[in-house]
N, C-alpha and C. Protein backbone atom coordinates (compact mmCIF):
# COMPACT_ATOMS: atom_id res chain seq x y z
N MET A 1 -3.56 -52.70 -21.67
CA MET A 1 -2.68 -53.21 -22.85
C MET A 1 -1.71 -51.98 -22.80
N ASN A 2 -0.62 -52.07 -22.82
CA ASN A 2 0.83 -51.33 -23.09
C ASN A 2 1.11 -51.17 -24.88
N LEU A 3 0.87 -50.30 -25.50
CA LEU A 3 1.17 -50.31 -26.75
C LEU A 3 2.62 -50.92 -27.11
N VAL A 4 3.77 -50.62 -26.11
CA VAL A 4 4.87 -50.96 -26.46
C VAL A 4 4.94 -52.79 -26.46
N ASP A 5 4.61 -53.18 -25.61
CA ASP A 5 4.52 -54.34 -24.98
C ASP A 5 3.55 -55.23 -26.14
N ARG A 6 2.60 -54.50 -26.58
CA ARG A 6 1.72 -55.48 -27.63
C ARG A 6 2.55 -55.75 -28.70
N ALA A 7 3.07 -54.55 -29.23
CA ALA A 7 4.00 -54.67 -30.57
C ALA A 7 5.15 -55.70 -30.12
N LYS A 8 5.86 -55.46 -29.37
CA LYS A 8 6.91 -56.36 -29.15
C LYS A 8 6.21 -57.97 -28.75
N ASN A 9 5.06 -57.93 -28.17
CA ASN A 9 4.83 -59.61 -28.08
C ASN A 9 4.10 -60.02 -29.41
N ILE A 10 3.41 -59.31 -30.21
CA ILE A 10 3.03 -60.05 -31.35
C ILE A 10 4.07 -60.05 -32.20
N MET A 11 5.27 -59.52 -32.23
CA MET A 11 6.24 -59.57 -33.19
C MET A 11 6.94 -60.90 -32.76
N PHE A 12 7.27 -60.94 -31.28
CA PHE A 12 8.41 -62.19 -30.82
C PHE A 12 7.78 -63.05 -30.54
N SER A 13 6.41 -62.99 -29.80
CA SER A 13 5.99 -64.47 -29.12
C SER A 13 4.30 -64.34 -29.71
N PRO A 14 4.39 -64.35 -30.78
CA PRO A 14 3.00 -64.14 -31.78
C PRO A 14 1.87 -65.32 -31.10
N LYS A 15 2.32 -66.52 -30.86
CA LYS A 15 1.49 -67.45 -30.56
C LYS A 15 0.85 -67.48 -29.40
N THR A 16 1.58 -67.04 -28.23
CA THR A 16 0.96 -66.85 -26.92
C THR A 16 0.00 -65.33 -27.12
N GLU A 17 0.59 -64.38 -28.16
CA GLU A 17 -0.26 -63.05 -27.87
C GLU A 17 -1.55 -63.01 -28.43
N TRP A 18 -1.51 -63.92 -29.65
CA TRP A 18 -2.45 -63.94 -30.41
C TRP A 18 -3.79 -64.67 -29.29
N ASP A 19 -3.44 -65.59 -28.36
CA ASP A 19 -4.49 -66.01 -27.36
C ASP A 19 -4.75 -65.18 -26.57
N VAL A 20 -4.16 -64.32 -25.95
CA VAL A 20 -4.22 -62.96 -24.99
C VAL A 20 -5.24 -62.01 -25.89
N ILE A 21 -4.83 -61.54 -27.02
CA ILE A 21 -5.55 -60.84 -27.83
C ILE A 21 -7.19 -61.38 -28.10
N LYS A 22 -7.46 -62.86 -28.47
CA LYS A 22 -8.38 -63.37 -28.91
C LYS A 22 -9.51 -62.91 -27.73
N VAL A 23 -9.34 -63.02 -26.40
CA VAL A 23 -10.17 -62.82 -25.27
C VAL A 23 -10.26 -61.23 -24.87
N GLU A 24 -9.51 -60.81 -25.58
CA GLU A 24 -9.44 -59.06 -25.07
C GLU A 24 -11.08 -58.50 -25.82
N SER A 25 -11.56 -57.66 -25.01
CA SER A 25 -12.56 -56.73 -25.77
C SER A 25 -12.27 -55.50 -26.54
N TRP A 26 -12.24 -55.27 -27.53
CA TRP A 26 -11.45 -54.09 -28.48
C TRP A 26 -12.82 -53.64 -29.14
N THR A 27 -13.18 -52.38 -29.29
CA THR A 27 -14.16 -51.83 -30.01
C THR A 27 -13.02 -51.40 -31.35
N ILE A 28 -13.73 -51.39 -32.80
CA ILE A 28 -13.03 -51.00 -33.95
C ILE A 28 -12.29 -49.51 -34.16
N SER A 29 -13.10 -48.52 -33.12
CA SER A 29 -12.45 -47.45 -32.76
C SER A 29 -11.29 -47.20 -31.96
N ASP A 30 -11.32 -48.35 -30.91
CA ASP A 30 -10.09 -48.37 -30.00
C ASP A 30 -9.08 -49.17 -30.91
N LEU A 31 -9.19 -49.87 -31.77
CA LEU A 31 -8.13 -50.53 -32.41
C LEU A 31 -7.45 -49.52 -33.20
N PHE A 32 -8.25 -48.70 -33.72
CA PHE A 32 -7.34 -47.69 -34.61
C PHE A 32 -6.86 -46.45 -33.69
N THR A 33 -7.73 -45.85 -32.75
CA THR A 33 -7.08 -44.69 -32.02
C THR A 33 -5.96 -45.11 -31.15
N LYS A 34 -5.97 -46.24 -30.43
CA LYS A 34 -5.42 -46.66 -29.61
C LYS A 34 -3.97 -47.37 -29.78
N TYR A 35 -4.04 -47.88 -31.34
CA TYR A 35 -2.93 -48.58 -31.91
C TYR A 35 -2.53 -48.07 -33.25
N ALA A 36 -3.53 -48.52 -34.22
CA ALA A 36 -3.03 -48.28 -35.55
C ALA A 36 -2.67 -47.04 -35.84
N LEU A 37 -3.29 -46.05 -35.50
CA LEU A 37 -3.14 -44.37 -35.71
C LEU A 37 -1.87 -44.25 -35.44
N ILE A 38 -1.34 -44.96 -34.21
CA ILE A 38 -0.01 -44.50 -33.59
C ILE A 38 1.17 -45.32 -34.15
N LEU A 39 1.07 -46.49 -34.51
CA LEU A 39 1.95 -47.18 -35.58
C LEU A 39 2.13 -46.64 -36.64
N ALA A 40 1.12 -46.46 -37.34
CA ALA A 40 1.33 -46.21 -38.99
C ALA A 40 1.74 -44.78 -38.90
N ALA A 41 2.11 -44.13 -38.22
CA ALA A 41 2.82 -42.83 -38.15
C ALA A 41 4.33 -43.07 -38.34
N ILE A 42 4.74 -44.22 -37.79
CA ILE A 42 6.08 -44.48 -37.52
C ILE A 42 6.67 -44.37 -39.15
N PRO A 43 6.37 -45.08 -40.27
CA PRO A 43 6.81 -45.19 -41.48
C PRO A 43 6.57 -43.82 -42.41
N ALA A 44 5.39 -42.97 -41.78
CA ALA A 44 5.29 -41.83 -42.50
C ALA A 44 6.19 -40.54 -41.94
N VAL A 45 6.26 -40.65 -40.76
CA VAL A 45 7.48 -39.57 -40.43
C VAL A 45 8.77 -40.06 -40.64
N ALA A 46 9.12 -41.28 -40.51
CA ALA A 46 10.60 -41.72 -40.95
C ALA A 46 10.63 -41.33 -42.41
N GLY A 47 9.74 -41.45 -43.28
CA GLY A 47 9.79 -41.09 -44.95
C GLY A 47 10.16 -39.85 -44.88
N ILE A 48 9.45 -38.77 -44.18
CA ILE A 48 9.50 -37.68 -44.34
C ILE A 48 11.16 -37.26 -44.20
N ILE A 49 11.75 -37.51 -43.05
CA ILE A 49 13.31 -37.51 -42.74
C ILE A 49 14.19 -38.33 -43.97
N GLY A 50 13.67 -39.46 -44.50
CA GLY A 50 14.66 -40.07 -45.45
C GLY A 50 14.68 -39.90 -46.75
N PHE A 51 13.53 -39.30 -47.17
CA PHE A 51 13.21 -38.46 -48.47
C PHE A 51 13.96 -37.43 -48.55
N SER A 52 13.86 -36.38 -47.71
CA SER A 52 14.28 -35.19 -47.76
C SER A 52 15.61 -34.96 -47.19
N ILE A 53 16.01 -35.67 -46.25
CA ILE A 53 17.80 -35.67 -46.13
C ILE A 53 18.45 -36.50 -46.49
N PHE A 54 18.12 -37.72 -46.58
CA PHE A 54 18.93 -38.88 -47.05
C PHE A 54 18.99 -38.92 -48.69
N GLY A 55 17.51 -38.91 -49.39
CA GLY A 55 17.36 -39.09 -50.57
C GLY A 55 16.84 -40.50 -50.82
N VAL A 56 16.68 -40.43 -52.25
CA VAL A 56 16.17 -41.95 -53.02
C VAL A 56 16.82 -42.10 -54.18
N SER A 57 17.34 -43.51 -54.28
CA SER A 57 18.07 -44.04 -55.10
C SER A 57 17.49 -44.77 -56.03
N TRP A 58 17.43 -44.48 -57.35
CA TRP A 58 16.86 -45.56 -58.24
C TRP A 58 18.05 -45.73 -59.27
N GLY A 59 18.49 -46.85 -59.24
CA GLY A 59 19.78 -47.53 -60.25
C GLY A 59 20.74 -46.50 -59.77
N PHE A 60 21.09 -45.69 -60.78
CA PHE A 60 22.49 -45.01 -60.85
C PHE A 60 22.05 -43.28 -60.49
N PHE A 61 20.76 -43.37 -60.49
CA PHE A 61 20.31 -42.02 -60.18
C PHE A 61 19.58 -41.71 -58.76
N SER A 62 20.19 -40.51 -58.02
CA SER A 62 19.62 -40.07 -56.77
C SER A 62 19.09 -38.93 -56.62
N PHE A 63 18.08 -38.74 -55.64
CA PHE A 63 17.54 -37.28 -55.56
C PHE A 63 17.11 -37.55 -54.24
N LYS A 64 17.07 -35.85 -53.67
CA LYS A 64 16.15 -35.62 -52.59
C LYS A 64 15.18 -35.12 -53.09
N VAL A 65 13.94 -35.75 -52.00
CA VAL A 65 12.53 -35.05 -52.30
C VAL A 65 12.27 -33.67 -51.63
N PRO A 66 11.91 -32.64 -52.32
CA PRO A 66 11.55 -31.55 -51.70
C PRO A 66 10.64 -31.80 -50.50
N PHE A 67 10.66 -30.77 -49.64
CA PHE A 67 10.10 -31.20 -47.87
C PHE A 67 8.80 -31.09 -48.24
N GLY A 68 8.14 -30.46 -49.04
CA GLY A 68 6.76 -30.28 -49.28
C GLY A 68 6.16 -31.53 -49.91
N ASP A 69 6.68 -32.17 -50.97
CA ASP A 69 6.34 -33.53 -51.52
C ASP A 69 6.49 -34.65 -50.23
N SER A 70 7.51 -34.44 -49.64
CA SER A 70 7.65 -35.59 -48.64
C SER A 70 6.43 -35.54 -47.66
N ILE A 71 5.92 -34.30 -47.23
CA ILE A 71 5.00 -34.64 -46.48
C ILE A 71 3.64 -34.92 -47.14
N THR A 72 3.75 -34.42 -48.21
CA THR A 72 2.35 -35.04 -48.90
C THR A 72 2.24 -36.29 -49.08
N TRP A 73 3.76 -36.87 -49.09
CA TRP A 73 3.67 -38.41 -49.21
C TRP A 73 3.37 -39.05 -47.93
N ALA A 74 3.91 -38.36 -46.77
CA ALA A 74 3.77 -39.02 -45.61
C ALA A 74 2.15 -38.80 -45.23
N ILE A 75 1.43 -37.82 -45.52
CA ILE A 75 0.05 -37.76 -45.00
C ILE A 75 -0.63 -38.57 -45.97
N THR A 76 -0.51 -38.65 -47.28
CA THR A 76 -1.01 -39.67 -48.11
C THR A 76 -1.17 -40.93 -48.07
N THR A 77 0.25 -41.41 -47.55
CA THR A 77 0.63 -42.60 -47.04
C THR A 77 -0.05 -43.04 -46.00
N TYR A 78 -0.07 -42.38 -44.69
CA TYR A 78 -0.58 -42.62 -43.49
C TYR A 78 -2.47 -42.74 -43.72
N ILE A 79 -3.02 -41.84 -44.15
CA ILE A 79 -4.24 -42.06 -44.83
C ILE A 79 -4.81 -43.36 -45.09
N LEU A 80 -3.93 -43.42 -46.27
CA LEU A 80 -4.06 -44.74 -47.14
C LEU A 80 -3.95 -46.05 -46.58
N SER A 81 -3.04 -46.10 -45.29
CA SER A 81 -2.41 -47.27 -45.04
C SER A 81 -3.63 -47.42 -43.77
N ILE A 82 -4.37 -46.25 -43.05
CA ILE A 82 -5.30 -46.68 -42.31
C ILE A 82 -6.44 -47.22 -42.94
N LEU A 83 -6.78 -46.50 -44.06
CA LEU A 83 -7.96 -46.96 -44.89
C LEU A 83 -7.67 -48.19 -45.45
N GLY A 84 -6.57 -48.37 -45.64
CA GLY A 84 -6.29 -50.05 -46.41
C GLY A 84 -6.41 -51.08 -45.33
N VAL A 85 -6.04 -50.83 -44.06
CA VAL A 85 -6.23 -51.99 -43.00
C VAL A 85 -7.51 -52.07 -42.89
N PHE A 86 -8.38 -51.09 -42.84
CA PHE A 86 -9.95 -50.99 -42.58
C PHE A 86 -10.67 -52.01 -43.74
N LEU A 87 -10.61 -51.49 -44.90
CA LEU A 87 -10.62 -52.30 -46.06
C LEU A 87 -10.56 -53.77 -46.17
N ILE A 88 -9.27 -54.17 -45.72
CA ILE A 88 -8.86 -55.62 -45.80
C ILE A 88 -9.79 -56.06 -44.65
N ALA A 89 -9.85 -55.64 -43.53
CA ALA A 89 -10.49 -56.17 -42.25
C ALA A 89 -11.85 -56.28 -42.90
N PHE A 90 -12.73 -55.42 -43.57
CA PHE A 90 -14.08 -55.27 -44.06
C PHE A 90 -14.27 -56.47 -44.89
N ILE A 91 -13.08 -56.74 -45.92
CA ILE A 91 -13.46 -57.53 -46.66
C ILE A 91 -13.34 -58.90 -46.16
N ALA A 92 -12.40 -59.24 -45.23
CA ALA A 92 -12.12 -60.44 -44.38
C ALA A 92 -13.32 -60.65 -43.49
N ASP A 93 -13.76 -59.67 -43.32
CA ASP A 93 -15.20 -60.01 -42.25
C ASP A 93 -16.38 -60.57 -43.04
N ALA A 94 -16.42 -59.80 -44.53
CA ALA A 94 -17.63 -60.31 -45.43
C ALA A 94 -17.47 -61.42 -45.99
N LEU A 95 -16.12 -62.07 -46.04
CA LEU A 95 -15.85 -63.30 -46.64
C LEU A 95 -15.87 -64.51 -45.65
N ALA A 96 -15.84 -63.96 -44.19
CA ALA A 96 -15.97 -64.99 -43.21
C ALA A 96 -17.05 -66.05 -43.35
N PRO A 97 -18.08 -65.88 -43.71
CA PRO A 97 -19.14 -66.86 -43.54
C PRO A 97 -18.81 -67.92 -44.73
N SER A 98 -18.16 -67.33 -45.64
CA SER A 98 -17.91 -68.39 -47.12
C SER A 98 -16.81 -69.27 -47.00
N PHE A 99 -16.15 -68.99 -45.74
CA PHE A 99 -14.99 -69.93 -45.12
C PHE A 99 -15.19 -70.58 -43.59
N GLY A 100 -16.70 -70.75 -43.70
CA GLY A 100 -16.86 -71.44 -42.10
C GLY A 100 -16.65 -70.75 -40.89
N SER A 101 -16.55 -69.29 -40.90
CA SER A 101 -16.37 -68.39 -40.13
C SER A 101 -17.68 -67.51 -39.51
N THR A 102 -17.47 -66.94 -38.73
CA THR A 102 -18.74 -65.90 -38.52
C THR A 102 -18.44 -64.55 -38.71
N LYS A 103 -19.48 -63.48 -38.90
CA LYS A 103 -18.97 -62.11 -39.42
C LYS A 103 -18.98 -61.60 -37.86
N ASP A 104 -17.91 -60.94 -37.67
CA ASP A 104 -17.59 -60.13 -36.45
C ASP A 104 -16.54 -59.35 -36.64
N MET A 105 -16.86 -58.03 -37.07
CA MET A 105 -15.68 -56.92 -37.51
C MET A 105 -15.08 -56.67 -36.74
N SER A 106 -15.28 -56.79 -35.36
CA SER A 106 -14.42 -56.16 -34.37
C SER A 106 -13.10 -57.34 -34.36
N ALA A 107 -13.50 -58.71 -34.42
CA ALA A 107 -12.59 -59.52 -34.55
C ALA A 107 -11.84 -59.66 -35.85
N SER A 108 -12.43 -59.30 -36.70
CA SER A 108 -11.59 -59.16 -38.10
C SER A 108 -10.73 -58.06 -38.15
N THR A 109 -11.30 -57.18 -37.55
CA THR A 109 -10.18 -55.56 -37.41
C THR A 109 -9.07 -56.18 -36.45
N LYS A 110 -9.23 -56.79 -35.36
CA LYS A 110 -8.27 -57.24 -34.57
C LYS A 110 -7.27 -57.83 -35.19
N ALA A 111 -7.38 -59.04 -36.10
CA ALA A 111 -6.67 -59.73 -36.68
C ALA A 111 -5.52 -58.89 -37.70
N ILE A 112 -6.68 -58.18 -38.49
CA ILE A 112 -5.54 -57.34 -39.57
C ILE A 112 -4.69 -56.41 -38.86
N VAL A 113 -5.39 -55.53 -37.76
CA VAL A 113 -4.67 -54.34 -37.36
C VAL A 113 -3.17 -54.94 -36.47
N PHE A 114 -3.48 -56.04 -35.72
CA PHE A 114 -2.10 -56.57 -35.22
C PHE A 114 -1.46 -56.92 -35.95
N ALA A 115 -1.87 -57.62 -37.13
CA ALA A 115 -0.70 -58.27 -38.08
C ALA A 115 -0.10 -57.38 -38.88
N TYR A 116 -0.44 -56.00 -38.79
CA TYR A 116 0.54 -54.91 -39.53
C TYR A 116 1.63 -54.38 -38.83
N THR A 117 1.56 -54.87 -37.50
CA THR A 117 2.56 -54.32 -36.36
C THR A 117 4.01 -54.37 -37.14
N PRO A 118 4.43 -55.56 -37.53
CA PRO A 118 5.91 -55.20 -38.01
C PRO A 118 6.06 -54.31 -39.10
N ALA A 119 5.17 -54.25 -40.02
CA ALA A 119 5.73 -53.35 -41.05
C ALA A 119 5.74 -51.97 -40.71
N TRP A 120 4.43 -51.70 -39.53
CA TRP A 120 4.37 -50.21 -39.05
C TRP A 120 5.75 -50.02 -38.19
N VAL A 121 6.20 -50.87 -37.65
CA VAL A 121 7.61 -50.96 -36.65
C VAL A 121 8.65 -50.62 -37.62
N ALA A 122 8.94 -51.79 -38.67
CA ALA A 122 10.07 -51.60 -39.23
C ALA A 122 10.14 -50.14 -40.50
N GLY A 123 9.04 -49.55 -40.52
CA GLY A 123 8.65 -48.28 -41.03
C GLY A 123 9.71 -47.55 -40.63
N ILE A 124 10.58 -47.45 -39.46
CA ILE A 124 11.16 -46.74 -38.78
C ILE A 124 12.37 -46.53 -39.87
N PHE A 125 13.01 -47.92 -40.73
CA PHE A 125 13.61 -47.74 -41.89
C PHE A 125 13.71 -47.03 -42.99
N ASN A 126 12.22 -46.20 -42.78
CA ASN A 126 12.21 -45.26 -44.20
C ASN A 126 13.25 -44.25 -43.91
N ILE A 127 13.57 -43.91 -42.71
CA ILE A 127 14.59 -42.83 -42.84
C ILE A 127 15.65 -43.18 -43.52
N ILE A 128 16.03 -44.23 -43.62
CA ILE A 128 17.02 -44.55 -44.88
C ILE A 128 16.55 -45.41 -45.88
N PRO A 129 15.88 -44.47 -46.97
CA PRO A 129 15.24 -45.47 -48.10
C PRO A 129 15.79 -46.75 -48.64
N SER A 130 17.26 -46.54 -48.85
CA SER A 130 17.53 -47.81 -49.19
C SER A 130 17.47 -49.08 -48.52
N LEU A 131 17.09 -49.09 -47.29
CA LEU A 131 16.66 -50.26 -46.46
C LEU A 131 15.32 -50.55 -46.59
N ASN A 132 14.80 -49.89 -47.36
CA ASN A 132 13.20 -50.51 -47.79
C ASN A 132 13.01 -52.03 -47.64
N ILE A 133 14.10 -52.67 -48.11
CA ILE A 133 14.15 -54.12 -48.07
C ILE A 133 13.59 -54.55 -46.80
N ILE A 134 13.99 -53.95 -45.58
CA ILE A 134 13.80 -54.51 -44.34
C ILE A 134 12.06 -54.33 -43.95
N VAL A 135 11.58 -53.05 -44.50
CA VAL A 135 10.23 -52.86 -44.39
C VAL A 135 9.51 -53.95 -45.07
N ALA A 136 10.00 -54.13 -46.42
CA ALA A 136 9.10 -55.51 -47.40
C ALA A 136 9.35 -56.58 -46.39
N LEU A 137 10.43 -57.23 -45.99
CA LEU A 137 10.39 -58.25 -45.23
C LEU A 137 9.60 -58.33 -43.96
N ALA A 138 9.47 -56.93 -43.36
CA ALA A 138 8.55 -56.92 -42.22
C ALA A 138 7.21 -57.24 -42.61
N GLY A 139 6.96 -56.68 -43.89
CA GLY A 139 5.41 -57.04 -44.35
C GLY A 139 5.07 -58.53 -44.79
N ILE A 140 6.22 -58.99 -45.23
CA ILE A 140 5.68 -60.38 -45.24
C ILE A 140 5.93 -61.26 -44.14
N TYR A 141 6.58 -60.76 -42.82
CA TYR A 141 6.13 -61.46 -41.65
C TYR A 141 5.04 -61.05 -41.14
N GLY A 142 4.36 -60.06 -41.51
CA GLY A 142 3.09 -59.62 -40.99
C GLY A 142 2.05 -60.62 -41.45
N LEU A 143 2.10 -60.90 -43.02
CA LEU A 143 1.34 -61.96 -43.47
C LEU A 143 1.50 -63.44 -42.81
N ILE A 144 2.45 -63.59 -41.91
CA ILE A 144 2.44 -64.64 -41.40
C ILE A 144 1.65 -64.51 -40.16
N LEU A 145 1.79 -63.43 -39.68
CA LEU A 145 1.17 -63.13 -38.37
C LEU A 145 -0.27 -62.92 -38.69
N MET A 146 -0.67 -62.53 -39.86
CA MET A 146 -2.36 -62.37 -40.54
C MET A 146 -2.81 -63.59 -40.26
N TYR A 147 -2.12 -64.73 -40.79
CA TYR A 147 -2.58 -66.27 -41.07
C TYR A 147 -2.76 -66.41 -39.72
N MET A 148 -1.99 -66.71 -38.67
CA MET A 148 -2.16 -66.88 -37.41
C MET A 148 -3.25 -66.16 -36.66
N GLY A 149 -3.46 -64.86 -36.95
CA GLY A 149 -4.53 -64.06 -36.19
C GLY A 149 -5.88 -64.69 -37.00
N LEU A 150 -5.69 -64.83 -38.28
CA LEU A 150 -7.36 -64.85 -38.36
C LEU A 150 -7.81 -66.22 -38.18
N GLN A 151 -6.66 -67.12 -38.12
CA GLN A 151 -7.06 -68.36 -37.82
C GLN A 151 -7.49 -68.74 -36.17
N LYS A 152 -6.61 -67.83 -35.42
CA LYS A 152 -7.14 -67.61 -34.04
C LYS A 152 -8.18 -67.00 -33.56
N ILE A 153 -8.36 -65.76 -34.11
CA ILE A 153 -9.47 -64.84 -33.45
C ILE A 153 -10.75 -65.17 -34.47
N LYS A 154 -10.48 -65.57 -35.67
CA LYS A 154 -11.97 -65.94 -36.46
C LYS A 154 -12.31 -67.30 -36.45
N ASP A 155 -11.43 -68.33 -35.72
CA ASP A 155 -11.84 -69.60 -35.60
C ASP A 155 -12.18 -70.07 -36.93
N VAL A 156 -11.45 -69.95 -38.21
CA VAL A 156 -11.83 -70.54 -39.35
C VAL A 156 -11.33 -72.11 -39.35
N PRO A 157 -12.20 -72.68 -39.81
CA PRO A 157 -11.75 -74.15 -39.85
C PRO A 157 -10.78 -74.38 -40.67
N GLN A 158 -9.94 -75.43 -40.26
CA GLN A 158 -8.51 -75.74 -40.46
C GLN A 158 -8.50 -76.09 -42.03
N ASP A 159 -9.58 -76.58 -42.69
CA ASP A 159 -9.60 -77.32 -43.87
C ASP A 159 -10.14 -75.93 -44.81
N LYS A 160 -10.41 -74.96 -44.21
CA LYS A 160 -10.68 -73.55 -45.33
C LYS A 160 -9.70 -72.63 -45.04
N MET A 161 -8.88 -72.92 -44.13
CA MET A 161 -8.10 -71.78 -43.74
C MET A 161 -7.42 -71.17 -44.90
N ILE A 162 -6.77 -72.11 -45.69
CA ILE A 162 -5.74 -71.85 -46.93
C ILE A 162 -6.47 -70.91 -47.67
N GLY A 163 -7.83 -71.53 -48.25
CA GLY A 163 -8.34 -70.59 -49.11
C GLY A 163 -8.55 -69.26 -48.76
N TYR A 164 -9.10 -69.11 -47.23
CA TYR A 164 -9.48 -67.51 -46.76
C TYR A 164 -8.19 -67.12 -46.78
N PHE A 165 -6.84 -67.34 -46.43
CA PHE A 165 -6.09 -66.89 -46.41
C PHE A 165 -5.36 -66.24 -47.60
N ILE A 166 -5.44 -67.19 -48.99
CA ILE A 166 -5.08 -66.62 -50.18
C ILE A 166 -6.12 -65.57 -50.72
N VAL A 167 -7.21 -65.91 -50.30
CA VAL A 167 -8.22 -64.59 -50.65
C VAL A 167 -7.95 -63.28 -50.22
N ILE A 168 -7.61 -63.43 -48.69
CA ILE A 168 -7.35 -62.16 -48.01
C ILE A 168 -5.47 -61.71 -48.57
N ILE A 169 -4.57 -62.51 -48.93
CA ILE A 169 -3.74 -62.08 -49.46
C ILE A 169 -3.93 -61.57 -50.69
N VAL A 170 -4.34 -61.65 -51.70
CA VAL A 170 -4.65 -61.45 -53.01
C VAL A 170 -5.61 -59.79 -52.77
N VAL A 171 -6.38 -59.56 -51.94
CA VAL A 171 -6.96 -58.44 -51.30
C VAL A 171 -5.82 -57.50 -50.82
N ALA A 172 -5.20 -58.07 -49.94
CA ALA A 172 -4.14 -57.10 -49.32
C ALA A 172 -3.08 -56.55 -50.43
N ILE A 173 -2.69 -57.26 -51.50
CA ILE A 173 -1.96 -57.12 -52.44
C ILE A 173 -2.68 -55.94 -53.45
N VAL A 174 -3.93 -56.21 -53.69
CA VAL A 174 -4.32 -55.36 -54.68
C VAL A 174 -4.68 -53.82 -53.86
N VAL A 175 -5.01 -53.80 -52.50
CA VAL A 175 -4.98 -52.51 -51.66
C VAL A 175 -3.55 -51.71 -51.63
N TYR A 176 -2.40 -52.80 -51.48
CA TYR A 176 -1.13 -52.22 -51.51
C TYR A 176 -0.76 -51.57 -52.88
N ILE A 177 -1.20 -52.32 -53.97
CA ILE A 177 -0.84 -51.74 -55.17
C ILE A 177 -1.70 -50.69 -55.65
N VAL A 178 -3.15 -50.71 -55.41
CA VAL A 178 -3.81 -49.66 -55.61
C VAL A 178 -3.28 -48.13 -54.60
N THR A 179 -2.88 -48.66 -53.41
CA THR A 179 -2.72 -47.31 -52.47
C THR A 179 -1.13 -46.74 -53.07
N GLY A 180 -0.49 -47.73 -53.27
CA GLY A 180 1.03 -47.26 -53.87
C GLY A 180 1.14 -46.35 -55.29
N LEU A 181 0.09 -46.63 -56.04
CA LEU A 181 -0.18 -46.00 -57.29
C LEU A 181 -0.86 -44.58 -56.86
N ILE A 182 -1.83 -44.64 -56.02
CA ILE A 182 -2.57 -43.14 -55.54
C ILE A 182 -1.42 -42.37 -54.87
N VAL A 183 -0.72 -42.86 -54.22
CA VAL A 183 0.27 -42.19 -53.28
C VAL A 183 1.45 -41.48 -54.40
N ARG A 184 1.78 -42.32 -55.13
CA ARG A 184 2.86 -41.95 -56.20
C ARG A 184 2.07 -40.60 -57.14
N GLU A 185 1.03 -40.67 -57.45
CA GLU A 185 0.38 -40.01 -58.45
C GLU A 185 0.00 -38.52 -57.37
N ILE A 186 -0.28 -38.56 -56.18
CA ILE A 186 -0.44 -37.72 -55.64
C ILE A 186 0.83 -36.74 -55.15
N ALA A 187 1.78 -37.65 -54.44
CA ALA A 187 2.86 -36.93 -53.92
C ALA A 187 4.06 -36.77 -54.98
N PHE A 188 4.32 -37.61 -55.85
CA PHE A 188 5.22 -37.42 -56.75
C PHE A 188 5.29 -37.42 -58.26
N SER A 189 4.15 -37.31 -58.90
CA SER A 189 4.18 -37.62 -60.50
C SER A 189 4.63 -36.00 -60.93
N GLY A 190 4.25 -34.99 -60.32
CA GLY A 190 5.10 -33.77 -61.15
C GLY A 190 6.28 -33.73 -60.68
N TYR A 191 6.88 -34.20 -59.74
CA TYR A 191 8.42 -34.05 -59.46
C TYR A 191 8.88 -35.20 -60.33
N MET A 192 8.42 -36.42 -60.42
CA MET A 192 8.97 -37.46 -61.10
C MET A 192 9.25 -37.33 -62.55
N MET A 193 8.26 -36.38 -63.32
CA MET A 193 8.03 -36.31 -64.72
C MET A 193 9.21 -34.88 -64.95
N THR A 194 9.32 -34.03 -63.89
CA THR A 194 10.22 -33.02 -64.09
C THR A 194 11.75 -33.79 -63.75
N GLU A 195 11.65 -34.49 -63.21
CA GLU A 195 13.23 -35.38 -63.35
C GLU A 195 13.50 -36.37 -63.98
N GLY A 196 12.32 -36.67 -65.07
CA GLY A 196 12.52 -37.75 -66.13
C GLY A 196 12.27 -38.97 -65.55
N LEU A 197 11.55 -39.26 -64.34
CA LEU A 197 11.33 -40.54 -63.98
C LEU A 197 9.89 -41.10 -64.50
């Protein structure tokens, strides 16, 4: 599997790509080392450039983040992004039997990792922080891909799929909020307090 082809196919022809992914044999380690760790670096690296060169606008106030804080943000975001994906996959797998599916951590991880593709790829727009709306929209599209992937890869019965998906969305939102708070506290808390934010 070529990483670029996989990213392109999962974003632009997901229905057929999930069929391909379903029959592929992936280890959890390979899913992270050959895919997630590479793509998750896109928003982190782009964010360093965006925060330090173009700056961040909040209402009528804008500022450039010191390079060291941008690096701290990028590293923290990168690590927590990967941990968050693993945690969502772990919970999706743990809950699978409650929704008529079977436990299979590799399958659960496949569904979650590949569904994150649009958000990671759109992370390139972190170069211009004011375009973060594109990253947010890509994240929403990733939820659609997650629905398709969980249904295809986990073979969740149709009558239980909506409930399963809603629970996983809630988990993903909680993970997103918690990781965002941690990143802000680690990377920006001192700077924001100094700037009065």
